[in-house]
Protein backbone atom coordinates (compact mmCIF):
# COMPACT_ATOMS: atom_id res chain seq x y z
CA MET A 1 0.00 0.00 0.00
CA LEU A 2 1.37 3.38 -0.98
CA PRO A 3 1.99 5.98 1.75
CA ARG A 4 -0.60 8.74 1.95
CA SER A 5 1.92 11.56 1.91
CA LEU A 6 3.46 12.80 -1.33
CA PHE A 7 6.90 12.76 0.31
CA GLY A 8 6.44 9.12 1.34
CA ARG A 9 5.32 8.06 -2.13
CA LEU A 10 8.18 9.79 -3.89
CA PHE A 11 10.74 8.48 -1.39
CA ALA A 12 9.39 4.92 -1.59
CA SER A 13 9.39 4.95 -5.41
CA SER A 14 12.94 6.36 -5.38
CA LEU A 15 14.13 3.63 -3.04
CA ILE A 16 12.51 0.90 -5.14
CA ALA A 17 14.00 2.28 -8.34
CA THR A 18 17.44 2.62 -6.72
CA LEU A 19 17.31 -0.92 -5.33
CA ALA A 20 16.27 -2.35 -8.71
CA ALA A 21 19.03 -0.41 -10.47
CA LEU A 22 21.64 -1.63 -7.98
CA VAL A 23 20.52 -5.25 -8.34
CA LEU A 24 20.67 -5.02 -12.12
CA ALA A 25 24.07 -3.32 -11.89
CA GLY A 26 25.33 -6.07 -9.59
CA VAL A 27 24.12 -8.80 -11.93
CA ALA A 28 25.61 -7.05 -14.97
CA ILE A 29 28.95 -6.39 -13.27
CA GLY A 30 29.08 -9.97 -11.98
CA GLY A 31 28.44 -11.27 -15.49
CA VAL A 32 31.18 -9.08 -16.95
CA MET A 33 33.61 -10.19 -14.26
CA GLN A 34 32.84 -13.84 -14.95
CA ARG A 35 33.41 -13.34 -18.66
CA PHE A 36 36.78 -11.69 -18.08
CA VAL A 37 37.90 -14.43 -15.68
CA THR A 38 36.69 -17.03 -18.14
CA ALA A 39 38.54 -15.26 -20.94
CA GLY A 40 41.77 -15.39 -18.92
CA VAL A 41 41.31 -19.10 -18.25
CA ASP A 42 40.50 -19.71 -21.91
CA GLY A 43 43.76 -17.99 -22.85
CA ARG A 44 45.73 -20.51 -20.79
CA LEU A 45 43.64 -23.39 -22.11
CA SER A 46 44.25 -22.25 -25.68
CA ASP A 47 48.01 -22.59 -25.17
CA ARG A 48 47.57 -26.08 -23.76
CA LEU A 49 45.20 -27.02 -26.57
CA ALA A 50 47.69 -25.88 -29.22
CA ALA A 51 50.48 -27.78 -27.48
CA LEU A 52 48.41 -30.97 -27.39
CA GLN A 53 47.54 -30.60 -31.07
CA SER A 54 51.24 -30.52 -31.86
CA ALA A 55 51.41 -34.15 -30.70
CA VAL A 56 48.94 -35.29 -33.40
CA ARG A 57 50.66 -36.58 -36.55
CA GLY A 58 49.29 -36.27 -40.01
CA ASP A 59 48.43 -39.99 -40.18
CA GLY A 60 46.08 -39.67 -37.19
CA MET A 61 48.49 -41.19 -34.73
CA LEU A 62 50.16 -39.55 -31.72
CA ASP A 63 53.77 -38.51 -31.30
CA ARG A 64 54.25 -40.07 -27.90
CA ALA A 65 57.49 -38.25 -27.15
CA GLN A 66 55.97 -34.89 -27.98
CA LEU A 67 52.86 -35.77 -26.01
CA ALA A 68 54.98 -36.63 -22.99
CA ARG A 69 56.81 -33.31 -23.18
CA VAL A 70 53.53 -31.39 -23.51
CA THR A 71 51.73 -33.15 -20.67
CA ALA A 72 54.73 -32.66 -18.43
CA ARG A 73 54.23 -28.90 -18.74
CA ILE A 74 50.49 -29.04 -17.87
CA GLU A 75 50.42 -28.21 -14.19
CA GLY A 76 47.76 -28.75 -11.57
CA ASP A 77 44.39 -30.39 -11.99
CA ALA A 78 43.92 -29.81 -15.72
CA PRO A 79 42.36 -32.86 -17.40
CA TRP A 80 42.88 -33.40 -21.15
CA ARG A 81 41.68 -35.90 -23.69
CA ILE A 82 42.50 -36.77 -27.30
CA ASP A 83 39.91 -38.74 -29.32
CA LEU A 84 41.64 -40.62 -32.15
CA PRO A 85 40.03 -42.07 -35.29
CA GLY A 86 38.53 -45.50 -34.69
CA GLY A 87 37.07 -44.64 -31.29
CA THR A 88 40.21 -44.78 -29.16
CA SER A 89 41.11 -42.00 -26.76
CA VAL A 90 44.07 -40.90 -24.71
CA GLY A 91 44.02 -38.94 -21.46
CA ALA A 92 41.14 -38.49 -19.00
CA ALA A 93 38.59 -40.95 -20.17
CA ASP A 94 35.97 -39.59 -17.78
CA LEU A 95 36.25 -36.07 -19.22
CA VAL A 96 33.04 -35.18 -21.02
CA SER A 97 34.29 -33.27 -24.04
CA GLU A 98 32.74 -31.22 -26.77
CA GLY A 99 32.66 -34.23 -29.04
CA ASP A 100 30.65 -36.21 -26.53
CA ARG A 101 28.14 -33.46 -25.84
CA PRO A 102 27.76 -31.21 -28.89
CA ARG A 103 26.58 -27.63 -28.47
CA PRO A 104 26.11 -24.78 -30.94
CA PRO A 105 29.11 -22.46 -31.29
CA LEU A 106 29.00 -19.31 -29.17
CA PRO A 107 28.97 -15.90 -30.90
CA PRO A 108 32.38 -14.19 -30.86
CA ARG A 109 32.97 -11.66 -28.04
CA PRO A 110 35.65 -8.96 -27.75
CA PHE A 111 37.51 -10.78 -24.99
CA ASP A 112 37.40 -14.13 -26.90
CA ARG A 113 39.63 -12.99 -29.78
CA ASP A 114 42.75 -14.55 -28.21
CA ARG A 115 41.03 -17.89 -27.63
CA PHE A 116 41.82 -20.92 -29.75
CA GLY A 117 39.20 -23.66 -29.86
CA GLU A 118 35.54 -23.89 -28.90
CA PRO A 119 34.51 -23.69 -25.22
CA PHE A 120 32.45 -26.33 -23.51
CA GLU A 121 30.98 -26.97 -20.08
CA GLY A 122 31.36 -30.56 -18.93
CA GLU A 123 32.22 -32.70 -15.98
CA ARG A 124 34.81 -35.08 -14.74
CA ALA A 125 34.36 -37.48 -11.84
CA GLY A 126 31.20 -35.66 -10.83
CA GLU A 127 32.88 -32.23 -10.85
CA ARG A 128 31.96 -29.48 -13.24
CA VAL A 129 34.70 -28.40 -15.61
CA HIS A 130 35.20 -25.73 -18.23
CA GLY A 131 37.31 -26.46 -21.26
CA LEU A 132 38.20 -25.91 -24.89
CA SER A 133 38.17 -28.42 -27.73
CA ALA A 134 39.30 -28.35 -31.33
CA ALA A 135 39.23 -30.81 -34.26
CA VAL A 136 42.45 -31.68 -36.14
CA ALA A 137 42.09 -33.06 -39.68
CA THR A 138 44.41 -36.00 -40.44
CA GLY A 139 44.76 -38.56 -43.19
CA ALA A 140 42.98 -41.14 -41.03
CA GLY A 141 40.13 -38.84 -40.05
CA SER A 142 39.32 -36.12 -37.57
CA VAL A 143 41.08 -36.03 -34.21
CA ARG A 144 39.42 -34.04 -31.41
CA VAL A 145 41.60 -32.56 -28.71
CA SER A 146 40.02 -31.33 -25.45
CA VAL A 147 41.53 -29.67 -22.39
CA ALA A 148 39.76 -28.36 -19.29
CA VAL A 149 40.07 -26.94 -15.77
CA PRO A 150 37.73 -27.37 -12.78
CA ARG A 151 34.91 -24.86 -12.84
CA ARG A 152 35.92 -23.68 -9.36
CA GLU A 153 38.98 -21.97 -10.87
CA ILE A 154 36.55 -19.55 -12.52
CA ASP A 155 33.86 -19.35 -9.83
CA ARG A 156 36.21 -18.82 -6.89
CA PRO A 157 37.78 -15.50 -8.02
CA VAL A 158 34.39 -14.27 -9.22
CA LEU A 159 32.79 -14.99 -5.83
CA ALA A 160 35.76 -13.41 -4.05
CA ALA A 161 35.28 -10.23 -6.09
CA LEU A 162 31.48 -10.17 -5.57
CA ALA A 163 31.78 -9.66 -1.79
CA PRO A 164 33.46 -6.21 -1.99
CA LEU A 165 31.26 -5.43 -4.97
CA ALA A 166 28.12 -6.10 -2.90
CA ALA A 167 29.50 -3.94 -0.07
CA SER A 168 30.28 -1.14 -2.52
CA LEU A 169 26.80 -1.33 -4.01
CA ALA A 170 25.26 -1.25 -0.53
CA ILE A 171 27.25 1.89 0.33
CA LEU A 172 26.23 3.40 -3.00
CA GLY A 173 22.59 2.54 -2.25
CA LEU A 174 22.77 4.31 1.12
CA ALA A 175 24.37 7.34 -0.51
CA LEU A 176 21.69 7.44 -3.20
CA GLY A 177 18.94 7.03 -0.58
CA GLY A 178 20.38 9.95 1.40
CA ALA A 179 20.64 12.02 -1.76
CA ALA A 180 17.02 11.21 -2.62
CA LEU A 181 15.95 12.24 0.89
CA VAL A 182 17.76 15.58 0.62
CA GLN A 183 16.45 16.12 -2.90
CA LEU A 184 12.86 15.47 -1.87
CA ARG A 185 13.10 17.77 1.13
CA LEU A 186 14.50 20.55 -1.02
CA GLY A 187 12.07 19.85 -3.85
CA LEU A 188 8.99 19.81 -1.59
CA ARG A 189 10.03 22.84 0.46
CA PRO A 190 8.06 25.24 -1.81
CA LEU A 191 4.92 23.25 -0.97
CA ARG A 192 5.56 23.73 2.74
CA ASP A 193 6.25 27.42 2.15
CA LEU A 194 3.01 27.72 0.18
CA GLN A 195 1.12 26.01 3.01
CA GLY A 196 2.60 28.48 5.50
CA ALA A 197 1.68 31.41 3.27
CA VAL A 198 -1.91 30.18 2.89
CA GLU A 199 -2.12 29.74 6.66
CA ALA A 200 -0.84 33.29 7.11
CA MET A 201 -3.55 34.50 4.70
CA ARG A 202 -6.17 32.63 6.70
CA ARG A 203 -4.95 34.28 9.91
CA GLY A 204 -4.98 37.66 8.20
CA GLU A 205 -1.21 38.19 8.37
CA ARG A 206 -0.82 38.66 4.60
CA ALA A 207 -3.10 39.57 1.70
CA VAL A 208 -1.49 37.67 -1.22
CA LEU A 209 0.80 34.71 -1.70
CA PRO A 210 4.53 35.10 -2.51
CA ALA A 211 5.26 36.04 -6.10
CA ARG A 212 8.46 33.97 -6.39
CA LEU A 213 7.33 30.37 -6.55
CA PRO A 214 8.38 27.45 -8.80
CA ASP A 215 6.72 27.36 -12.20
CA GLU A 216 4.65 24.31 -11.19
CA LEU A 217 3.17 26.12 -8.15
CA ALA A 218 2.72 29.60 -9.65
CA PRO A 219 -0.66 28.77 -11.32
CA LEU A 220 -1.97 27.29 -8.05
CA ALA A 221 -0.84 30.39 -6.14
CA GLY A 222 -2.56 32.60 -8.68
CA GLU A 223 -5.84 30.70 -8.30
CA LEU A 224 -5.58 30.90 -4.51
CA ASP A 225 -5.03 34.66 -4.73
CA LYS A 226 -8.12 34.98 -6.92
CA LEU A 227 -10.12 32.87 -4.47
CA ALA A 228 -8.95 35.06 -1.59
CA GLY A 229 -9.93 38.19 -3.52
CA GLU A 230 -13.38 36.82 -4.28
CA THR A 231 -13.80 35.83 -0.64
CA ALA A 232 -12.80 39.32 0.48
CA SER A 233 -15.36 40.82 -1.91
CA ALA A 234 -18.05 38.51 -0.58
CA LEU A 235 -17.12 39.46 2.99
CA ALA A 236 -17.28 43.15 2.12
CA GLY A 237 -20.70 42.64 0.57
CA ALA A 238 -21.96 40.79 3.64
CA ARG A 239 -20.62 43.51 5.92
CA GLN A 240 -22.28 46.20 3.85
CA SER A 241 -25.58 44.31 3.83
CA ALA A 242 -25.48 43.99 7.62
CA ALA A 243 -24.67 47.68 7.97
CA ASN A 244 -27.49 48.65 5.59
CA LEU A 245 -29.96 46.52 7.51
CA ALA A 246 -28.90 48.03 10.81
CA HIS A 247 -29.19 51.57 9.40
CA ALA A 248 -32.59 50.85 7.88
CA LEU A 249 -33.95 49.61 11.21
CA LYS A 250 -32.66 52.47 13.34
CA THR A 251 -35.24 55.02 12.30
CA PRO A 252 -38.33 52.75 12.64
CA MET A 253 -37.08 51.55 16.02
CA ALA A 254 -36.52 55.11 17.23
CA THR A 255 -39.99 56.14 16.03
CA LEU A 256 -41.63 53.23 17.82
CA ALA A 257 -39.70 54.03 20.97
CA LEU A 258 -41.10 57.63 20.96
CA HIS A 259 -44.67 56.36 20.60
CA LEU A 260 -44.32 53.69 23.28
CA THR A 261 -42.76 55.71 26.07
CA GLU A 262 -45.85 55.37 28.24
CA ASP A 263 -46.47 51.67 27.52
CA ALA A 264 -44.05 49.74 29.71
CA ALA A 265 -45.00 46.34 28.30
CA ALA A 266 -44.62 47.49 24.69
CA GLN A 267 -41.38 49.27 25.57
CA ALA A 268 -40.03 46.03 27.06
CA GLN A 269 -40.90 44.13 23.90
CA LEU A 270 -39.27 46.84 21.80
CA ASP A 271 -36.13 46.58 23.93
CA ARG A 272 -36.19 42.84 23.40
CA ILE A 273 -36.50 43.28 19.62
CA ASP A 274 -33.66 45.80 19.71
CA ALA A 275 -31.45 43.38 21.63
CA VAL A 276 -32.19 40.48 19.28
CA LEU A 277 -31.51 42.63 16.22
CA ARG A 278 -28.24 43.87 17.68
CA HIS A 279 -27.22 40.34 18.54
CA HIS A 280 -27.91 38.80 15.14
CA LEU A 281 -26.57 41.80 13.24
CA GLY A 282 -23.45 41.50 15.35
CA ARG A 283 -23.16 37.79 14.46
CA ALA A 284 -23.65 38.57 10.76
CA ARG A 285 -21.01 41.25 10.93
CA ALA A 286 -18.66 38.95 12.83
CA ALA A 287 -19.09 36.18 10.26
CA ALA A 288 -17.99 38.61 7.57
CA ALA A 289 -14.99 39.95 9.50
CA ASP A 290 -11.86 40.74 7.54
CA ARG A 291 -8.97 39.04 9.37
CA ARG A 292 -6.34 40.82 7.27
CA ALA A 293 -7.30 44.32 8.43
CA GLU A 294 -5.57 46.32 11.15
CA THR A 295 -6.53 49.37 13.20
CA VAL A 296 -4.45 51.98 15.05
CA LEU A 297 -6.00 52.06 18.52
CA ALA A 298 -5.25 55.60 19.72
CA PRO A 299 -7.35 57.62 17.23
CA ALA A 300 -10.15 55.04 17.19
CA LEU A 301 -10.46 55.05 20.99
CA ALA A 302 -10.21 58.84 21.10
CA ASP A 303 -13.15 59.16 18.69
CA LEU A 304 -15.21 56.62 20.64
CA ALA A 305 -14.46 58.33 23.95
CA ALA A 306 -15.43 61.71 22.52
CA ALA A 307 -18.72 60.41 21.06
CA ILE A 308 -19.80 58.41 24.11
CA GLY A 309 -18.53 61.10 26.49
CA ALA A 310 -20.72 63.65 24.72
CA ILE A 311 -23.76 61.49 25.47
CA HIS A 312 -22.85 61.17 29.17
CA ARG A 313 -21.00 64.48 29.59
CA SER A 314 -23.16 65.59 32.46
CA ARG A 315 -21.93 62.87 34.81
CA VAL A 316 -19.06 60.72 33.38
CA ALA A 317 -15.48 61.58 32.44
CA ILE A 318 -13.75 59.17 30.03
CA THR A 319 -9.94 59.03 29.95
CA VAL A 320 -7.92 57.16 27.32
CA THR A 321 -4.32 56.00 27.79
CA VAL A 322 -2.95 54.26 24.67
CA PRO A 323 0.50 54.27 22.95
CA PRO A 324 0.14 56.28 19.72
CA ALA A 325 1.51 53.62 17.32
CA LEU A 326 -0.17 50.54 18.80
CA SER A 327 -2.15 48.61 16.13
CA ALA A 328 -4.44 45.58 16.46
CA ALA A 329 -5.18 42.94 13.83
CA ILE A 330 -8.87 43.86 13.51
CA GLY A 331 -10.94 45.96 11.13
CA ALA A 332 -11.95 49.47 12.09
CA GLN A 333 -15.68 48.69 12.17
CA ASP A 334 -15.14 45.58 14.27
CA PHE A 335 -12.92 47.44 16.70
CA ASP A 336 -15.42 50.30 16.99
CA GLU A 337 -18.16 47.78 17.73
CA LEU A 338 -16.07 45.93 20.31
CA ALA A 339 -14.59 48.95 22.11
CA GLY A 340 -17.78 50.98 21.69
CA ASN A 341 -19.85 48.35 23.46
CA LEU A 342 -17.38 48.13 26.31
CA ILE A 343 -17.04 51.92 26.74
CA ASP A 344 -20.80 52.50 26.41
CA ASN A 345 -21.54 49.81 28.99
CA ALA A 346 -19.01 51.33 31.36
CA ALA A 347 -20.29 54.90 30.82
CA ARG A 348 -23.93 53.94 31.43
CA HIS A 349 -23.13 52.27 34.73
CA ALA A 350 -20.24 54.43 35.96
CA ARG A 351 -20.80 56.97 38.72
CA THR A 352 -18.24 59.56 37.62
CA ALA A 353 -15.35 58.09 35.58
CA VAL A 354 -14.39 55.52 32.96
CA SER A 355 -10.75 54.61 32.29
CA VAL A 356 -9.66 53.09 28.93
CA THR A 357 -6.13 51.71 28.59
CA ALA A 358 -4.33 49.55 26.04
CA ALA A 359 -0.84 48.06 26.13
CA ALA A 360 1.17 45.46 24.22
CA GLU A 361 1.84 42.12 25.90
CA GLY A 362 4.09 40.13 23.58
CA ARG A 363 2.15 39.32 20.41
CA LEU A 364 -1.12 40.44 22.00
CA ILE A 365 -2.76 43.71 22.99
CA ARG A 366 -4.67 44.04 26.25
CA LEU A 367 -7.51 46.58 26.12
CA THR A 368 -9.12 47.37 29.49
CA VAL A 369 -12.20 49.46 30.24
CA ALA A 370 -12.83 50.14 33.94
CA ASP A 371 -15.67 52.07 35.56
CA ASP A 372 -16.46 53.10 39.11
CA GLY A 373 -20.00 51.77 39.04
CA PRO A 374 -21.59 48.95 41.05
CA GLY A 375 -19.94 46.21 38.95
CA ILE A 376 -21.29 42.74 38.26
CA PRO A 377 -21.30 39.96 40.84
CA ALA A 378 -18.85 37.18 40.02
CA THR A 379 -21.70 34.67 39.71
CA ASP A 380 -23.35 36.73 36.93
CA ARG A 381 -20.28 37.64 34.84
CA ALA A 382 -20.28 34.53 32.65
CA ARG A 383 -23.99 34.99 31.94
CA ALA A 384 -23.54 38.70 31.22
CA ALA A 385 -21.07 37.99 28.41
CA ALA A 386 -22.86 34.94 27.02
CA PRO A 387 -24.19 35.31 23.43
CA GLY A 388 -27.93 35.91 23.37
CA THR A 389 -28.22 36.76 27.07
CA ARG A 390 -29.36 40.22 28.09
CA LEU A 391 -29.17 41.46 31.65
CA ASP A 392 -31.18 44.46 32.77
CA GLU A 393 -29.53 47.53 31.22
CA ARG A 394 -31.01 49.81 33.84
CA GLY A 395 -29.73 49.58 37.38
CA ASP A 396 -26.95 47.26 38.45
CA GLY A 397 -26.72 45.14 35.27
CA HIS A 398 -24.59 45.46 32.17
CA GLY A 399 -25.94 45.29 28.62
CA PHE A 400 -26.28 42.86 25.79
CA GLY A 401 -23.30 44.45 24.04
CA LEU A 402 -20.90 42.42 26.20
CA GLY A 403 -21.90 39.26 24.33
CA ILE A 404 -21.21 40.90 20.98
CA ALA A 405 -17.90 42.25 22.25
CA ARG A 406 -16.83 38.79 23.34
CA GLU A 407 -17.83 37.29 19.98
CA ILE A 408 -15.78 39.90 18.12
CA ALA A 409 -12.74 39.36 20.36
CA GLU A 410 -12.88 35.57 19.95
CA LEU A 411 -13.46 35.91 16.19
CA HIS A 412 -10.12 37.73 15.93
CA GLY A 413 -8.23 35.27 18.11
CA GLY A 414 -8.68 37.12 21.41
CA THR A 415 -10.68 36.86 24.61
CA LEU A 416 -12.93 38.96 26.85
CA GLU A 417 -12.78 38.70 30.63
CA LEU A 418 -14.78 40.51 33.28
CA GLY A 419 -13.40 41.34 36.71
CA ASP A 420 -13.29 43.91 39.46
CA ALA A 421 -11.86 47.37 38.80
CA PRO A 422 -9.16 48.56 41.26
CA GLY A 423 -11.43 51.31 42.67
CA GLY A 424 -14.61 49.27 42.51
CA GLY A 425 -16.87 48.71 39.56
CA LEU A 426 -16.41 46.48 36.51
CA LEU A 427 -13.16 45.85 34.66
CA ALA A 428 -13.61 44.49 31.11
CA ALA A 429 -10.34 43.22 29.61
CA ALA A 430 -10.21 42.23 25.92
CA THR A 431 -7.14 40.72 24.24
CA LEU A 432 -6.45 41.09 20.52
CA ARG A 433 -3.59 40.09 18.24
CA ARG A 434 -1.06 42.77 17.40
CA ALA A 435 -0.95 43.83 13.78
CA GLY A 436 1.97 42.54 11.73
């Protein structure tokens, strides 16, 4: 079964191909070595064969004196045989020669050019032998001369050479496997880089993919950029639709509120409708959030403090303490909605003052809004910030906007926590990712 990863498949196929190539190379090299060893043995056998032929006279008989001199020079275990006309033979009678076991002639090879006679594979006393034979024409008929050596004289040096050859091929295989591993890691690195770039786009850390990519990946990167652009357009359209709906509902809701000021039950239902609309419009806006946007906090918080402070100027003072260049990875509209809900909540329940601060903490930004109001009991804080839950906005409770603020913070990789302010009241702390 093939591995599921592309790296595993390519590496496995490379190993299989390398192993097959090394086996074929070993077989081919072994065959060549055997042929060269055989050619060297055949060279010696050719000399012996020619010497034995010199002992055959023209009348088909043997020159015994010459034969004795020739055989005296044949050293070691080298059987020979001469088949004379009439069926008689001299030498190793148990040597199976070419004449006894005919075989078609072998095609000439480059290393056979110094050989005299035709090769044969035979046996003697149950042992395999390799030899040469040749026919000598005489007046009495054809005389066949054969000479051989034990097959082990060829196999032994070949086997001795195959051991270091196998070790060398194994080392070569390991080197090729390591080279394939390095090559695959280098070759697949652009895919890992592309994955990281796409992940950065998803987190909103970059808008487009790198321009310098291999030719095979450039079309894919282009299509991903187009997809990201179309997604951004769709998000912008969804945001605009949510904003249009919210704007269209403001006037009718305000008109109804003026006509229902004396009807407490109707006013309560209108407040409920307003809360539900704010909640679901907030969810629609959050679903269409642009994660690649960023907002400088100082001017945005200054504008929010000025607008909300103007509404509550008769009783609440709002102070903002933010580094001028601090930026968060969040769109301006989302940040206004998040911070605006927190500051408005604090201003409506504060006695005299609201404090807004923001500071960098590593890769995050901590935005805190503290008031000097009655605060929220610890048992009610989780419910106050839960989506879809609305505490009483008049009196000691805090509003529905806390749920939307928490959703926006979590949508952008942050959190919202409620606690006690140092001087009493509620402390709302939101964390957001720093831009860049």
